[in-house]
Amino acid sequence: MSIWGKVVGGAAGFAIGGPLGALLGAVAGHAVDQFRDQQAQSSAGEAAQPAADATRQIGFTIGVIVLSAKMAKADGRVTRDEIRAFREVFHIPTDEEKNVARLFDRAKRDARGFEPYAHQIARMLQDTPSVLEELLDCLFHIAKADGNLHAAELRYLQQVAEIFGFDEQEFSRIRAGHIGPDASDPYTVLGIDRGASDGDIRRRYRELIREHHPDRLMAQGLPKEFEEVANQKMAGINAAYDEIKRQRGL
């Protein structure tokens, strides 16, 4: 079963609790309780690791849906381009589209702000900051899908990043990877000073490639359905490093 089916059907075998769990329960109905009972019947040793993996994967996926829905309120509308970007990049099976749409609409109508959800996601993924960064990349991808990253959307993304624990410099690095090759500074994309030595730049590049490799991210909780976003991230890092090498004649 795809991660989308697990999210809206409760098939992960646990309830995540908090505002995300309440929202999921409202859409998934009794399935969450049913699978919580199934988990209770399993031994602690058998259930611990799968539940931990599922928590990260489902936390990530619900985070993309819910925070995307909340972001839709930032500029007051959801465009067809944003919907198409969501469906194409995140590979939602046709038979799950209606369920994902129900969760998106429920989150958009929810009276609470985005902060409680962002804080819960930050706690769930606090040990994997690179996965939190990938979630921000997903939100950036959706926000810019209509060809215009609105100021309200950018402020929203910066607030989410702050809750996730990224400081201003880190957010600038993440943002630079999304504003296009003509406007972005390759040094900012790598998060390193222009005066850094060739060796320091090479080490920083290797560090980013290691942290954001799709295989590593999936081992830390990134669902396979989001692999394309991770690949785009890697491409941006490689492009920035290639540009620095070109500028320096390396």
Protein backbone atom coordinates (compact mmCIF):
# COMPACT_ATOMS: atom_id res chain seq x y z
CA MET A 1 0.00 0.00 0.00
CA SER A 2 1.25 3.50 -0.86
CA ILE A 3 2.00 6.04 1.85
CA TRP A 4 -1.13 7.93 0.80
CA GLY A 5 -3.31 4.92 1.56
CA LYS A 6 -1.64 4.52 4.93
CA VAL A 7 -2.26 8.16 5.81
CA VAL A 8 -5.97 8.26 5.04
CA GLY A 9 -6.71 4.64 5.90
CA GLY A 10 -4.93 4.19 9.20
CA ALA A 11 -2.92 1.28 7.83
CA ALA A 12 0.27 2.25 9.65
CA GLY A 13 -0.99 0.51 12.76
CA PHE A 14 -0.97 3.46 15.16
CA ALA A 15 -2.53 6.83 15.93
CA ILE A 16 -0.11 9.73 16.00
CA GLY A 17 -2.11 11.88 18.40
CA GLY A 18 -2.09 15.66 18.73
CA PRO A 19 -3.64 18.02 16.17
CA LEU A 20 -2.40 15.89 13.27
CA GLY A 21 -3.95 12.76 14.77
CA ALA A 22 -7.24 14.56 15.33
CA LEU A 23 -7.30 15.74 11.73
CA LEU A 24 -6.36 12.30 10.44
CA GLY A 25 -8.99 10.66 12.62
CA ALA A 26 -11.68 12.96 11.29
CA VAL A 27 -10.90 11.78 7.76
CA ALA A 28 -9.92 8.15 8.36
CA GLY A 29 -12.74 7.42 10.80
CA HIS A 30 -12.66 4.21 12.75
CA ALA A 31 -9.67 2.82 10.84
CA VAL A 32 -7.19 4.52 13.16
CA ASP A 33 -8.78 2.98 16.26
CA GLN A 34 -8.97 -0.38 14.52
CA PHE A 35 -5.26 -0.42 13.74
CA ARG A 36 -4.37 0.90 17.19
CA ASP A 37 -6.06 -2.23 18.56
CA GLN A 38 -4.06 -4.38 16.16
CA GLN A 39 -0.83 -2.75 17.34
CA ALA A 40 -1.74 -3.48 20.98
CA GLN A 41 -1.99 -7.16 20.11
CA SER A 42 1.61 -7.18 18.81
CA SER A 43 4.60 -7.56 21.07
CA ALA A 44 6.48 -4.38 21.94
CA GLY A 45 9.69 -5.61 20.31
CA GLU A 46 7.97 -6.46 17.04
CA ALA A 47 6.05 -3.22 16.80
CA ALA A 48 8.62 -0.69 18.00
CA GLN A 49 10.76 -0.27 14.90
CA PRO A 50 7.96 -0.42 12.28
CA ALA A 51 5.93 2.06 14.33
CA ALA A 52 8.89 4.44 14.58
CA ASP A 53 9.49 4.24 10.83
CA ALA A 54 5.80 4.70 10.10
CA THR A 55 5.62 7.69 12.45
CA ARG A 56 8.29 9.53 10.50
CA GLN A 57 6.88 8.62 7.09
CA ILE A 58 3.29 9.46 7.95
CA GLY A 59 4.34 12.56 9.89
CA PHE A 60 6.19 13.77 6.80
CA THR A 61 3.33 13.02 4.43
CA ILE A 62 0.60 14.56 6.59
CA GLY A 63 2.92 17.53 7.07
CA VAL A 64 3.10 18.09 3.31
CA ILE A 65 -0.69 17.88 2.94
CA VAL A 66 -1.66 19.96 5.97
CA LEU A 67 1.00 22.65 5.66
CA SER A 68 0.27 22.94 1.92
CA ALA A 69 -3.39 23.47 2.75
CA LYS A 70 -2.52 26.11 5.32
CA MET A 71 -0.16 27.77 2.84
CA ALA A 72 -3.06 28.03 0.41
CA LYS A 73 -4.57 30.56 2.79
CA ALA A 74 -1.38 32.65 2.71
CA ASP A 75 -2.11 34.08 -0.74
CA GLY A 76 -5.84 33.36 -0.59
CA ARG A 77 -6.09 30.82 -3.39
CA VAL A 78 -4.99 27.44 -4.71
CA THR A 79 -4.10 27.49 -8.41
CA ARG A 80 -4.42 24.63 -10.88
CA ASP A 81 -0.65 24.72 -11.31
CA GLU A 82 -0.18 24.11 -7.58
CA ILE A 83 -2.64 21.21 -7.65
CA ARG A 84 -0.91 19.74 -10.70
CA ALA A 85 2.50 20.10 -9.05
CA PHE A 86 1.22 18.33 -5.96
CA ARG A 87 -0.20 15.42 -7.95
CA GLU A 88 2.66 15.00 -10.40
CA VAL A 89 5.66 15.34 -8.13
CA PHE A 90 4.27 13.43 -5.17
CA HIS A 91 2.86 10.56 -7.27
CA ILE A 92 -0.60 10.19 -5.76
CA PRO A 93 -2.32 7.07 -7.16
CA THR A 94 -5.59 7.82 -8.94
CA ASP A 95 -7.56 5.75 -6.44
CA GLU A 96 -6.17 7.81 -3.54
CA GLU A 97 -6.67 11.30 -4.99
CA LYS A 98 -10.13 11.79 -3.49
CA ASN A 99 -8.96 10.75 -0.03
CA VAL A 100 -5.94 13.04 -0.14
CA ALA A 101 -8.19 15.87 -1.38
CA ARG A 102 -10.53 15.27 1.57
CA LEU A 103 -7.65 15.61 4.02
CA PHE A 104 -6.38 18.72 2.23
CA ASP A 105 -9.83 20.35 2.29
CA ARG A 106 -10.37 19.43 5.93
CA ALA A 107 -7.04 21.02 6.86
CA LYS A 108 -7.79 24.14 4.83
CA ARG A 109 -11.15 24.60 6.57
CA ASP A 110 -9.75 23.91 10.03
CA ALA A 111 -9.97 27.04 12.18
CA ARG A 112 -6.60 26.49 13.85
CA GLY A 113 -3.53 28.15 12.41
CA PHE A 114 -0.60 26.24 10.97
CA GLU A 115 1.55 26.59 14.08
CA PRO A 116 0.23 23.61 16.13
CA TYR A 117 0.76 21.30 13.14
CA ALA A 118 4.22 22.65 12.36
CA HIS A 119 5.30 22.26 15.99
CA GLN A 120 4.09 18.66 16.11
CA ILE A 121 5.87 17.79 12.86
CA ALA A 122 9.04 19.44 14.18
CA ARG A 123 8.89 17.24 17.29
CA MET A 124 8.21 14.08 15.29
CA LEU A 125 11.18 14.70 12.97
CA GLN A 126 13.49 16.55 15.35
CA ASP A 127 16.25 13.95 15.01
CA THR A 128 16.24 14.17 11.19
CA PRO A 129 16.65 17.85 10.22
CA SER A 130 17.47 16.89 6.62
CA VAL A 131 14.01 15.30 6.35
CA LEU A 132 12.44 18.48 7.74
CA GLU A 133 14.36 20.38 5.08
CA GLU A 134 12.93 18.10 2.40
CA LEU A 135 9.45 18.91 3.70
CA LEU A 136 10.23 22.61 3.27
CA ASP A 137 11.44 21.82 -0.25
CA CYS A 138 8.05 20.23 -0.97
CA LEU A 139 6.26 23.35 0.24
CA PHE A 140 8.53 25.58 -1.86
CA HIS A 141 7.84 23.43 -4.91
CA ILE A 142 4.08 23.83 -4.51
CA ALA A 143 4.27 27.55 -3.71
CA LYS A 144 6.25 28.39 -6.85
CA ALA A 145 4.31 26.05 -9.17
CA ASP A 146 2.24 28.93 -10.57
CA GLY A 147 5.44 30.75 -11.55
CA ASN A 148 5.22 33.31 -8.78
CA LEU A 149 6.39 32.88 -5.19
CA HIS A 150 4.14 35.38 -3.42
CA ALA A 151 5.48 37.48 -0.56
CA ALA A 152 2.80 36.05 1.75
CA GLU A 153 3.87 32.51 0.85
CA LEU A 154 7.51 33.34 1.46
CA ARG A 155 6.69 34.77 4.91
CA TYR A 156 4.70 31.63 5.67
CA LEU A 157 7.59 29.39 4.63
CA GLN A 158 10.00 31.38 6.76
CA GLN A 159 7.72 30.99 9.79
CA VAL A 160 7.46 27.24 9.23
CA ALA A 161 11.25 27.03 8.86
CA GLU A 162 11.70 28.87 12.15
CA ILE A 163 9.41 26.41 13.93
CA PHE A 164 11.38 23.56 12.33
CA GLY A 165 14.52 24.98 13.92
CA PHE A 166 16.22 26.55 10.90
CA ASP A 167 17.89 29.90 11.53
CA GLU A 168 17.91 32.83 9.08
CA GLN A 169 21.11 31.73 7.37
CA GLU A 170 19.85 28.18 6.88
CA PHE A 171 16.55 29.44 5.51
CA SER A 172 18.42 31.69 3.08
CA ARG A 173 20.32 28.64 1.84
CA ILE A 174 17.12 26.63 1.37
CA ARG A 175 15.36 29.55 -0.33
CA ALA A 176 18.31 30.11 -2.68
CA GLY A 177 17.89 26.59 -4.00
CA HIS A 178 14.40 27.47 -5.23
CA ILE A 179 14.61 30.95 -6.74
CA GLY A 180 16.23 29.93 -10.02
CA PRO A 181 19.73 29.63 -11.45
CA ASP A 182 19.86 33.26 -12.61
CA ALA A 183 19.02 34.78 -9.23
CA SER A 184 20.50 32.30 -6.79
CA ASP A 185 24.01 32.62 -5.39
CA PRO A 186 25.80 29.23 -5.58
CA TYR A 187 27.65 30.01 -2.35
CA THR A 188 24.33 30.64 -0.59
CA VAL A 189 22.93 27.39 -1.99
CA LEU A 190 25.83 25.54 -0.36
CA GLY A 191 25.59 27.65 2.78
CA ILE A 192 29.25 28.69 2.72
CA ASP A 193 31.11 32.01 2.63
CA ARG A 194 32.55 33.31 -0.63
CA GLY A 195 35.96 33.56 1.00
CA ALA A 196 36.07 29.86 1.89
CA SER A 197 38.98 27.82 0.60
CA ASP A 198 38.61 25.33 -2.22
CA GLY A 199 39.04 22.53 0.30
CA ASP A 200 36.33 23.89 2.60
CA ILE A 201 33.93 24.24 -0.31
CA ARG A 202 34.65 20.69 -1.43
CA ARG A 203 34.03 19.38 2.10
CA ARG A 204 30.80 21.37 2.39
CA TYR A 205 29.60 20.03 -0.95
CA ARG A 206 30.30 16.44 0.08
CA GLU A 207 28.56 17.00 3.41
CA LEU A 208 25.39 18.27 1.70
CA ILE A 209 25.42 15.47 -0.85
CA ARG A 210 25.74 12.92 1.97
CA GLU A 211 22.97 14.51 4.07
CA HIS A 212 20.52 14.88 1.20
CA HIS A 213 21.11 11.67 -0.72
CA PRO A 214 17.66 10.12 -1.40
CA ASP A 215 18.68 6.71 -0.01
CA ARG A 216 19.83 8.27 3.27
CA LEU A 217 16.69 10.39 3.52
CA MET A 218 14.40 7.41 2.92
CA ALA A 219 16.22 5.51 5.65
CA GLN A 220 15.44 8.46 7.95
CA GLY A 221 11.73 8.56 7.13
CA LEU A 222 11.27 10.22 3.73
CA PRO A 223 8.55 8.23 1.91
CA LYS A 224 9.59 6.86 -1.48
CA GLU A 225 6.74 8.79 -3.07
CA PHE A 226 8.74 11.99 -2.45
CA GLU A 227 12.01 10.76 -3.97
CA GLU A 228 11.72 13.14 -6.94
CA VAL A 229 11.87 16.16 -4.64
CA ALA A 230 15.05 14.78 -3.07
CA ASN A 231 16.53 14.26 -6.53
CA GLN A 232 15.76 17.89 -7.41
CA LYS A 233 17.51 18.97 -4.23
CA MET A 234 20.61 16.99 -5.19
CA ALA A 235 20.54 18.51 -8.68
CA GLY A 236 20.47 22.01 -7.18
CA ILE A 237 23.45 21.26 -4.92
CA ASN A 238 25.41 19.79 -7.83
CA ALA A 239 24.59 22.78 -10.05
CA ALA A 240 25.77 25.23 -7.38
CA TYR A 241 29.03 23.34 -6.88
CA ASP A 242 29.62 23.15 -10.63
CA GLU A 243 29.08 26.92 -10.90
CA ILE A 244 31.59 27.61 -8.12
CA LYS A 245 34.13 25.34 -9.79
CA ARG A 246 33.57 27.18 -13.07
CA GLN A 247 34.02 30.56 -11.40
CA ARG A 248 37.21 29.42 -9.67
CA GLY A 249 38.61 27.51 -12.59
CA LEU A 250 38.72 24.25 -10.64
